[in-house]
N, C-alpha and C. Protein backbone atom coordinates (compact mmCIF):
# COMPACT_ATOMS: atom_id res chain seq x y z
N MET A 1 0.87 -1.14 0.16
CA MET A 1 -0.07 0.08 -0.10
C MET A 1 0.85 1.50 -0.09
N LYS A 2 0.31 2.16 -0.67
CA LYS A 2 1.16 3.66 -0.53
C LYS A 2 0.18 4.37 -0.14
N TRP A 3 0.79 5.02 0.77
CA TRP A 3 -0.48 6.15 1.73
C TRP A 3 0.39 7.50 1.27
N LYS A 4 -0.40 8.26 1.12
CA LYS A 4 -0.12 9.73 0.75
C LYS A 4 0.24 10.35 2.47
N THR A 5 1.28 11.02 2.66
CA THR A 5 1.35 11.71 3.85
C THR A 5 0.90 13.00 3.92
N LEU A 6 -0.13 13.35 4.80
CA LEU A 6 -0.49 14.72 4.87
C LEU A 6 0.12 15.25 6.23
N TYR A 7 0.71 16.32 5.99
CA TYR A 7 1.04 17.12 7.09
C TYR A 7 0.03 18.02 7.68
N VAL A 8 -0.59 18.52 7.10
CA VAL A 8 -1.94 19.25 7.04
C VAL A 8 -3.24 18.38 7.00
N SER A 9 -3.70 17.97 8.19
CA SER A 9 -4.83 16.95 7.76
C SER A 9 -6.24 17.41 8.08
N GLY A 10 -6.22 18.98 8.61
CA GLY A 10 -7.73 19.47 9.13
C GLY A 10 -7.43 20.95 9.14
N ALA A 11 -8.48 21.58 9.05
CA ALA A 11 -8.63 23.04 9.65
C ALA A 11 -9.89 23.27 10.61
N THR A 12 -10.01 24.11 11.30
CA THR A 12 -10.94 24.13 12.17
C THR A 12 -11.22 25.89 12.44
N LEU A 13 -12.45 26.07 12.53
CA LEU A 13 -12.86 27.42 12.67
C LEU A 13 -13.65 27.52 14.04
N THR A 14 -13.25 28.49 14.87
CA THR A 14 -14.12 28.81 15.96
C THR A 14 -14.30 30.35 16.26
N LYS A 15 -15.51 30.31 16.13
CA LYS A 15 -16.28 31.77 16.19
C LYS A 15 -16.58 32.30 17.67
N ASN A 16 -16.76 31.62 18.65
CA ASN A 16 -17.17 31.82 19.82
C ASN A 16 -16.03 32.44 20.85
N GLU A 17 -15.13 33.18 20.42
CA GLU A 17 -14.11 33.64 21.05
C GLU A 17 -13.99 35.18 21.28
N ALA A 18 -13.45 35.56 22.27
CA ALA A 18 -13.16 37.12 22.13
C ALA A 18 -11.59 37.26 22.89
N LYS A 19 -11.05 38.30 22.71
CA LYS A 19 -10.04 38.62 23.19
C LYS A 19 -9.78 39.62 24.22
N ILE A 20 -8.87 39.83 25.00
CA ILE A 20 -8.61 40.85 26.09
C ILE A 20 -6.99 41.00 25.93
N THR A 21 -6.57 42.52 26.02
CA THR A 21 -5.49 43.04 25.97
C THR A 21 -5.21 43.71 27.38
N ILE A 22 -4.20 43.37 28.00
CA ILE A 22 -3.94 44.04 29.38
C ILE A 22 -2.65 44.83 28.77
N THR A 23 -2.78 45.96 28.96
CA THR A 23 -1.55 47.18 28.39
C THR A 23 -0.85 47.71 29.65
N GLY A 24 0.30 48.09 29.18
CA GLY A 24 1.11 48.80 30.16
C GLY A 24 1.34 47.98 31.41
N ILE A 25 1.58 46.83 31.47
CA ILE A 25 1.97 45.83 32.35
C ILE A 25 3.58 46.15 32.76
N PRO A 26 3.81 46.44 34.12
CA PRO A 26 5.29 46.60 34.36
C PRO A 26 5.80 45.07 34.22
N ASP A 27 6.92 45.08 33.23
CA ASP A 27 7.79 43.83 33.02
C ASP A 27 8.49 43.21 34.21
N LYS A 28 7.87 42.48 35.09
CA LYS A 28 8.66 42.14 36.16
C LYS A 28 8.02 40.58 36.26
N PRO A 29 8.89 39.81 37.08
CA PRO A 29 8.41 38.45 37.43
C PRO A 29 6.96 38.45 37.98
N GLY A 30 6.37 37.70 38.03
CA GLY A 30 5.12 37.46 38.50
C GLY A 30 3.68 38.09 38.19
N SER A 31 3.95 39.12 37.20
CA SER A 31 2.73 40.03 36.77
C SER A 31 1.76 38.92 35.82
N ALA A 32 2.48 38.13 35.18
CA ALA A 32 1.61 36.92 34.15
C ALA A 32 0.90 36.05 35.17
N ALA A 33 1.62 35.93 36.04
CA ALA A 33 1.22 34.64 37.18
C ALA A 33 -0.02 35.09 37.82
N LYS A 34 0.04 36.59 38.23
CA LYS A 34 -0.99 37.12 38.87
C LYS A 34 -2.33 37.17 38.12
N ILE A 35 -2.08 37.65 36.71
CA ILE A 35 -3.18 37.59 35.93
C ILE A 35 -3.92 36.19 35.78
N PHE A 36 -3.06 35.23 35.37
CA PHE A 36 -3.70 34.21 35.06
C PHE A 36 -4.29 33.27 36.30
N GLN A 37 -3.81 33.55 37.50
CA GLN A 37 -3.87 32.99 38.78
C GLN A 37 -5.57 33.61 39.01
N GLU A 38 -5.56 34.99 38.81
CA GLU A 38 -6.94 35.31 39.14
C GLU A 38 -8.00 34.69 38.19
N LEU A 39 -7.92 34.88 36.78
CA LEU A 39 -8.77 34.12 36.01
C LEU A 39 -9.00 32.56 36.10
N ALA A 40 -7.89 31.95 36.46
CA ALA A 40 -8.32 30.60 37.18
C ALA A 40 -8.97 30.45 38.31
N LYS A 41 -8.97 31.25 39.35
CA LYS A 41 -9.89 31.05 40.31
C LYS A 41 -11.22 31.61 39.92
N SER A 42 -11.54 32.50 39.02
CA SER A 42 -12.47 32.78 38.65
C SER A 42 -13.19 31.63 37.65
N LYS A 43 -12.40 30.52 37.26
CA LYS A 43 -12.63 29.40 36.57
C LYS A 43 -12.99 29.63 35.11
N ILE A 44 -12.16 30.95 34.80
CA ILE A 44 -12.04 31.29 33.28
C ILE A 44 -10.92 30.56 32.31
N ASN A 45 -11.38 29.72 31.50
CA ASN A 45 -10.32 29.07 30.83
C ASN A 45 -9.98 29.94 29.42
N VAL A 46 -8.33 30.14 29.32
CA VAL A 46 -7.94 31.07 28.45
C VAL A 46 -7.32 30.24 27.26
N ASP A 47 -7.06 30.51 26.23
CA ASP A 47 -6.48 29.52 24.86
C ASP A 47 -5.28 30.38 24.52
N VAL A 48 -5.28 31.05 23.54
CA VAL A 48 -4.32 31.60 22.79
C VAL A 48 -3.72 32.71 23.79
N ILE A 49 -2.21 32.86 24.37
CA ILE A 49 -1.94 33.97 25.03
C ILE A 49 -0.38 34.37 24.48
N ILE A 50 -0.49 35.63 24.57
CA ILE A 50 0.66 36.34 23.78
C ILE A 50 1.10 37.55 24.70
N GLN A 51 2.58 37.56 24.88
CA GLN A 51 3.00 38.63 25.66
C GLN A 51 4.02 39.19 24.66
N ASN A 52 3.81 40.74 24.59
CA ASN A 52 4.73 41.41 23.70
C ASN A 52 6.02 41.59 24.29
N VAL A 53 7.11 41.99 23.58
CA VAL A 53 8.40 42.52 23.93
C VAL A 53 8.07 43.84 24.72
N SER A 54 8.97 43.82 25.83
CA SER A 54 8.71 44.82 26.62
C SER A 54 9.43 46.21 26.21
N SER A 55 8.83 47.09 26.54
CA SER A 55 9.49 48.57 25.89
C SER A 55 9.11 49.40 26.86
N ASN A 56 10.03 50.11 27.36
CA ASN A 56 10.25 51.21 28.46
C ASN A 56 9.89 50.32 29.93
N GLY A 57 10.07 49.02 29.73
CA GLY A 57 9.75 48.47 30.85
C GLY A 57 8.45 47.94 31.07
N LEU A 58 7.61 48.30 30.04
CA LEU A 58 6.16 47.83 30.12
C LEU A 58 5.95 46.84 28.93
N ALA A 59 4.80 45.86 29.19
CA ALA A 59 4.65 44.82 28.33
C ALA A 59 2.78 44.77 28.25
N ASP A 60 2.57 44.13 27.03
CA ASP A 60 1.22 44.03 26.90
C ASP A 60 0.88 42.34 27.17
N VAL A 61 -0.19 42.08 27.43
CA VAL A 61 -0.51 40.51 27.49
C VAL A 61 -1.65 40.37 27.08
N THR A 62 -1.94 39.57 25.91
CA THR A 62 -3.29 39.41 25.16
C THR A 62 -3.63 37.96 25.06
N PHE A 63 -4.88 37.51 25.38
CA PHE A 63 -5.31 36.14 25.53
C PHE A 63 -6.64 36.18 25.01
N THR A 64 -7.10 34.94 24.49
CA THR A 64 -8.46 34.61 24.30
C THR A 64 -9.20 33.93 25.29
N VAL A 65 -10.29 34.09 25.19
CA VAL A 65 -11.59 33.49 26.25
C VAL A 65 -12.85 33.06 25.52
N LEU A 66 -13.59 32.30 25.83
CA LEU A 66 -14.82 32.22 25.18
C LEU A 66 -15.79 33.41 25.40
N LYS A 67 -16.45 33.51 24.26
CA LYS A 67 -17.31 34.93 24.24
C LYS A 67 -18.21 34.99 25.30
N ASP A 68 -18.75 33.67 25.78
CA ASP A 68 -19.69 33.80 26.88
C ASP A 68 -18.91 34.23 28.13
N ASP A 69 -17.68 34.12 28.24
CA ASP A 69 -17.05 34.49 29.60
C ASP A 69 -16.22 35.69 29.53
N LEU A 70 -16.40 36.43 28.16
CA LEU A 70 -15.99 37.93 28.24
C LEU A 70 -16.28 39.07 29.42
N SER A 71 -17.65 38.92 29.63
CA SER A 71 -17.85 40.04 30.66
C SER A 71 -17.28 39.59 32.08
N PHE A 72 -17.26 38.15 32.52
CA PHE A 72 -16.76 38.03 33.47
C PHE A 72 -15.10 38.08 33.81
N ALA A 73 -14.43 37.76 32.52
CA ALA A 73 -13.27 37.99 32.32
C ALA A 73 -12.54 39.38 32.63
N LEU A 74 -13.67 40.10 32.08
CA LEU A 74 -13.12 41.73 32.09
C LEU A 74 -13.43 42.20 33.31
N GLU A 75 -14.48 41.76 34.14
CA GLU A 75 -14.54 42.27 35.62
C GLU A 75 -13.47 41.58 36.33
N THR A 76 -12.88 40.48 36.14
CA THR A 76 -11.39 39.82 36.92
C THR A 76 -10.59 40.58 36.52
N THR A 77 -10.37 40.93 35.33
CA THR A 77 -8.71 41.77 34.75
C THR A 77 -9.19 43.04 35.53
N GLU A 78 -10.49 43.70 35.26
CA GLU A 78 -10.36 45.33 35.87
C GLU A 78 -9.97 45.37 37.45
N ARG A 79 -10.59 44.21 37.95
CA ARG A 79 -10.40 44.04 39.34
C ARG A 79 -8.72 44.14 39.78
N ILE A 80 -8.02 43.27 38.85
CA ILE A 80 -6.42 43.33 39.46
C ILE A 80 -5.73 44.19 38.64
N LYS A 81 -6.29 44.84 37.66
CA LYS A 81 -5.56 46.14 36.85
C LYS A 81 -4.70 46.89 37.82
N ASN A 82 -5.18 47.41 38.85
CA ASN A 82 -4.57 48.30 39.75
C ASN A 82 -3.26 47.46 40.41
N GLU A 83 -3.53 46.49 40.86
CA GLU A 83 -2.70 45.38 41.77
C GLU A 83 -1.24 45.17 40.75
N ILE A 84 -1.50 45.03 39.58
CA ILE A 84 -0.51 44.46 38.60
C ILE A 84 -0.09 45.77 37.93
N ASN A 85 -0.24 47.14 38.56
CA ASN A 85 0.10 48.48 38.00
C ASN A 85 -0.06 48.69 36.39
N ALA A 86 -1.09 47.93 35.80
CA ALA A 86 -1.37 47.96 34.16
C ALA A 86 -2.04 49.16 33.85
N THR A 87 -1.70 49.77 32.64
CA THR A 87 -2.34 50.95 32.21
C THR A 87 -3.82 51.23 31.62
N GLY A 88 -4.31 49.82 31.15
CA GLY A 88 -5.75 49.75 30.38
C GLY A 88 -5.86 48.45 30.03
N ILE A 89 -7.04 47.99 29.47
CA ILE A 89 -7.58 46.81 29.43
C ILE A 89 -8.31 47.26 27.87
N ILE A 90 -8.10 46.34 27.01
CA ILE A 90 -9.12 46.39 25.61
C ILE A 90 -9.46 44.95 25.13
N ALA A 91 -10.85 45.21 24.94
CA ALA A 91 -11.49 43.77 24.69
C ALA A 91 -12.00 43.85 23.20
N ASP A 92 -12.12 42.70 22.66
CA ASP A 92 -12.62 42.36 21.22
C ASP A 92 -13.39 41.28 21.15
N ASP A 93 -14.68 41.49 20.90
CA ASP A 93 -15.42 40.15 20.60
C ASP A 93 -15.72 39.85 19.31
N LYS A 94 -15.00 40.39 18.34
CA LYS A 94 -15.35 40.03 16.87
C LYS A 94 -14.09 39.33 16.40
N ILE A 95 -13.69 38.52 16.93
CA ILE A 95 -12.65 37.71 16.38
C ILE A 95 -13.10 36.24 16.13
N ALA A 96 -12.31 35.66 15.48
CA ALA A 96 -12.55 33.97 15.20
C ALA A 96 -11.19 33.30 15.24
N LYS A 97 -10.98 32.06 15.55
CA LYS A 97 -9.75 31.35 15.35
C LYS A 97 -9.81 30.36 14.37
N LEU A 98 -8.97 30.49 13.27
CA LEU A 98 -8.44 29.55 12.43
C LEU A 98 -7.23 28.73 12.79
N SER A 99 -7.32 27.47 12.69
CA SER A 99 -6.33 26.52 13.15
C SER A 99 -6.31 25.44 12.04
N ILE A 100 -4.96 25.03 11.69
CA ILE A 100 -4.78 23.76 10.90
C ILE A 100 -4.10 23.14 12.07
N VAL A 101 -4.29 21.64 11.40
CA VAL A 101 -3.71 20.68 12.39
C VAL A 101 -3.37 19.36 11.53
N GLY A 102 -2.26 18.72 12.08
CA GLY A 102 -1.87 17.70 11.26
C GLY A 102 -0.38 17.15 12.28
N ILE A 103 0.42 16.36 11.39
CA ILE A 103 1.70 15.91 12.20
C ILE A 103 3.02 16.63 11.61
N GLY A 104 3.72 16.85 12.36
CA GLY A 104 4.90 17.47 11.96
C GLY A 104 4.93 19.04 11.56
N MET A 105 4.14 19.93 12.35
CA MET A 105 4.02 21.15 11.87
C MET A 105 5.17 21.98 12.34
N ARG A 106 5.97 21.64 13.31
CA ARG A 106 7.18 22.15 13.57
C ARG A 106 8.29 21.43 12.72
N SER A 107 8.43 20.43 12.08
CA SER A 107 9.58 19.78 11.61
C SER A 107 9.32 19.69 10.15
N HIS A 108 8.33 20.54 9.61
CA HIS A 108 8.22 20.44 7.90
C HIS A 108 8.36 21.99 7.60
N CYS A 109 9.47 22.30 6.95
CA CYS A 109 9.32 23.67 6.53
C CYS A 109 8.39 24.16 5.67
N GLY A 110 7.56 25.30 5.62
CA GLY A 110 6.70 26.03 4.87
C GLY A 110 5.32 25.86 5.10
N ILE A 111 4.87 25.04 5.97
CA ILE A 111 3.60 24.97 6.43
C ILE A 111 3.00 26.05 6.99
N ALA A 112 3.83 27.00 8.03
CA ALA A 112 3.36 28.34 8.59
C ALA A 112 3.36 29.15 7.40
N GLU A 113 4.11 29.28 6.41
CA GLU A 113 4.24 30.09 5.40
C GLU A 113 2.98 29.98 4.42
N GLU A 114 2.79 28.64 4.31
CA GLU A 114 1.64 28.50 3.41
C GLU A 114 0.34 28.94 4.01
N LEU A 115 0.20 28.86 5.12
CA LEU A 115 -1.07 29.42 6.04
C LEU A 115 -1.17 30.76 5.86
N PHE A 116 0.04 31.49 6.25
CA PHE A 116 0.07 33.18 6.36
C PHE A 116 -0.10 33.50 4.85
N ARG A 117 0.50 33.03 3.73
CA ARG A 117 0.24 33.33 2.43
C ARG A 117 -1.32 33.28 2.06
N ALA A 118 -1.92 32.05 2.36
CA ALA A 118 -3.21 31.91 1.74
C ALA A 118 -4.16 33.07 2.41
N LEU A 119 -3.94 33.58 3.86
CA LEU A 119 -4.76 34.52 4.34
C LEU A 119 -4.27 35.86 3.86
N ALA A 120 -3.16 36.04 3.75
CA ALA A 120 -2.63 37.44 3.15
C ALA A 120 -3.28 37.32 1.52
N ASP A 121 -3.16 36.26 0.71
CA ASP A 121 -3.72 36.38 -0.51
C ASP A 121 -5.09 36.99 -0.55
N GLU A 122 -5.94 36.77 0.49
CA GLU A 122 -7.31 37.28 1.07
C GLU A 122 -7.37 38.58 1.60
N GLU A 123 -6.16 39.02 1.74
CA GLU A 123 -6.35 40.39 2.65
C GLU A 123 -6.66 40.34 3.77
N ILE A 124 -6.36 39.13 4.59
CA ILE A 124 -6.90 38.91 5.96
C ILE A 124 -5.72 39.11 6.79
N ASN A 125 -5.99 39.79 7.70
CA ASN A 125 -4.85 40.42 8.70
C ASN A 125 -4.98 39.29 9.75
N ILE A 126 -3.71 38.84 10.50
CA ILE A 126 -3.75 38.01 11.46
C ILE A 126 -3.34 38.93 12.76
N LYS A 127 -4.28 38.58 13.82
CA LYS A 127 -3.90 39.31 14.84
C LYS A 127 -3.31 38.62 15.90
N MET A 128 -3.25 37.45 16.15
CA MET A 128 -2.45 36.67 16.91
C MET A 128 -1.99 35.62 16.32
N ILE A 129 -0.98 34.96 16.64
CA ILE A 129 -0.70 33.53 16.28
C ILE A 129 -0.25 32.37 17.22
N SER A 130 -0.56 31.14 17.37
CA SER A 130 0.06 30.37 18.25
C SER A 130 0.16 28.89 17.34
N THR A 131 1.43 28.45 18.07
CA THR A 131 1.97 27.38 17.33
C THR A 131 2.05 25.98 18.52
N SER A 132 1.92 24.81 18.11
CA SER A 132 2.18 23.68 18.67
C SER A 132 2.96 22.67 17.77
N GLU A 133 3.43 21.37 18.11
CA GLU A 133 3.72 20.36 17.45
C GLU A 133 2.83 19.96 16.47
N ILE A 134 1.40 20.23 16.71
CA ILE A 134 0.46 19.53 15.60
C ILE A 134 -0.74 20.48 15.42
N LYS A 135 -0.46 22.03 15.79
CA LYS A 135 -1.64 22.83 15.43
C LYS A 135 -0.77 24.20 15.19
N ILE A 136 -1.28 24.94 14.08
CA ILE A 136 -1.03 26.40 14.36
C ILE A 136 -2.52 27.10 14.19
N SER A 137 -2.67 27.96 15.12
CA SER A 137 -3.71 28.98 15.08
C SER A 137 -3.49 30.38 14.87
N CYS A 138 -4.40 30.86 14.18
CA CYS A 138 -4.48 32.41 13.87
C CYS A 138 -5.84 32.91 14.17
N VAL A 139 -5.80 34.12 15.25
CA VAL A 139 -6.84 34.77 15.37
C VAL A 139 -7.03 36.04 14.55
N ILE A 140 -8.18 36.07 14.16
CA ILE A 140 -8.40 36.85 12.72
C ILE A 140 -9.77 37.88 13.09
N ASP A 141 -10.16 38.61 12.24
CA ASP A 141 -11.74 39.56 12.42
C ASP A 141 -12.61 38.33 12.14
N GLU A 142 -13.55 38.43 12.93
CA GLU A 142 -14.88 37.49 12.55
C GLU A 142 -15.36 37.79 11.29
N ASP A 143 -15.31 38.74 10.72
CA ASP A 143 -16.20 39.28 9.41
C ASP A 143 -15.21 38.56 8.33
N HIS A 144 -13.72 37.95 8.47
CA HIS A 144 -13.33 37.02 7.59
C HIS A 144 -13.20 35.78 7.90
N ALA A 145 -13.94 35.10 8.85
CA ALA A 145 -13.61 33.68 9.21
C ALA A 145 -14.01 32.87 7.85
N GLU A 146 -15.09 32.84 7.46
CA GLU A 146 -15.50 32.06 6.35
C GLU A 146 -14.70 31.98 5.35
N LYS A 147 -14.25 33.11 4.60
CA LYS A 147 -13.39 33.28 3.46
C LYS A 147 -11.82 32.91 4.02
N GLY A 148 -11.55 33.04 5.16
CA GLY A 148 -10.28 32.36 5.84
C GLY A 148 -10.25 30.85 5.86
N LEU A 149 -11.33 30.28 6.31
CA LEU A 149 -11.36 28.95 6.24
C LEU A 149 -11.25 28.69 4.58
N ARG A 150 -12.16 28.83 3.84
CA ARG A 150 -12.06 28.46 2.44
C ARG A 150 -10.53 28.75 1.95
N ALA A 151 -9.97 29.76 2.21
CA ALA A 151 -8.58 29.76 1.77
C ALA A 151 -7.55 29.15 2.31
N ILE A 152 -7.89 28.37 3.42
CA ILE A 152 -6.93 27.50 3.98
C ILE A 152 -7.02 25.98 3.30
N HIS A 153 -8.60 26.03 3.26
CA HIS A 153 -8.94 24.57 2.54
C HIS A 153 -8.26 24.41 1.13
N ARG A 154 -8.37 25.59 0.50
CA ARG A 154 -7.61 25.54 -1.11
C ARG A 154 -6.20 25.56 -0.74
N ALA A 155 -5.66 26.08 0.11
CA ALA A 155 -4.16 26.07 0.15
C ALA A 155 -3.60 24.54 0.39
N PHE A 156 -4.38 24.08 1.27
CA PHE A 156 -3.66 22.94 1.64
C PHE A 156 -4.71 21.68 0.95
N LYS A 157 -5.25 21.87 0.14
CA LYS A 157 -6.34 20.95 -0.68
C LYS A 157 -6.91 20.21 0.09
N LEU A 158 -7.62 20.66 0.98
CA LEU A 158 -8.45 19.84 2.15
C LEU A 158 -9.69 19.93 1.67
N ASP A 159 -9.92 20.80 0.46
CA ASP A 159 -11.47 20.72 -0.22
C ASP A 159 -11.44 19.55 -1.37
N GLN A 160 -10.47 18.71 -1.41
CA GLN A 160 -10.36 17.56 -2.35
C GLN A 160 -10.38 16.25 -1.69
N GLU A 161 -11.20 15.23 -2.05
CA GLU A 161 -11.19 13.98 -1.70
C GLU A 161 -9.66 13.30 -1.77
N ASP A 162 -8.97 12.73 -0.90
CA ASP A 162 -8.04 11.98 -0.97
C ASP A 162 -8.24 10.37 -1.33
N THR A 163 -7.64 10.09 -2.07
CA THR A 163 -7.85 8.77 -2.77
C THR A 163 -6.55 7.91 -2.44
N VAL A 164 -6.86 7.02 -1.87
CA VAL A 164 -5.61 5.99 -1.62
C VAL A 164 -5.37 4.84 -2.47
N LYS A 165 -4.57 4.45 -3.30
CA LYS A 165 -4.46 3.46 -4.21
C LYS A 165 -3.76 2.36 -3.35
N THR A 166 -4.16 0.97 -3.78
CA THR A 166 -3.50 -0.13 -3.50
C THR A 166 -3.10 -0.88 -4.68
C-alpha cells in the first residue's frame, strides 16, 4: 500500500471567542502569574496567550477566552489591573480562530508560510498566532472567518477527496 502523507490533515474555525489585552504591565516576574491566577480562580479558561516584547519596562499581554466568559473575564481583569499596575484593558469580541492541524507542524518547513500566504492573499490580517507540534492557530477578524477557512482549505487541498491506491 502506498499512503499519501498529509502534514496538514484538517482545518477548524472557532467563532465563539473574544480577546482581551492588558496594556502597560510592568515587565517583572509575577505579573503574568497574577493575571492567570485570578482568571483561574474565576474559572475562566484561556486559550491563545501572547506577551509582547517589553518597551520602556512595560509589556502587554493578550489572551483569548470564550465569548460567553468575556464580561466575567473583564470584571476579573479590571479588578486586578491596579494590583499589577497595568495602564489599560482592551476587549474585542469580533474575532475568530482559524487552526490547521496535522503531524509535523514544526518539523516540516513551509507549512506556516503557506498558511500565512493563504490568508494574506485574501487580505486577511492576523491578530495573533499560536503554534504547537500539531497545530497552528491564527486569530483574525470575525468578518473574514468563512473566507479564511475556504482559503486554508484551498491552500492545503483539504477541499479535495484524498484517494488511496492499493
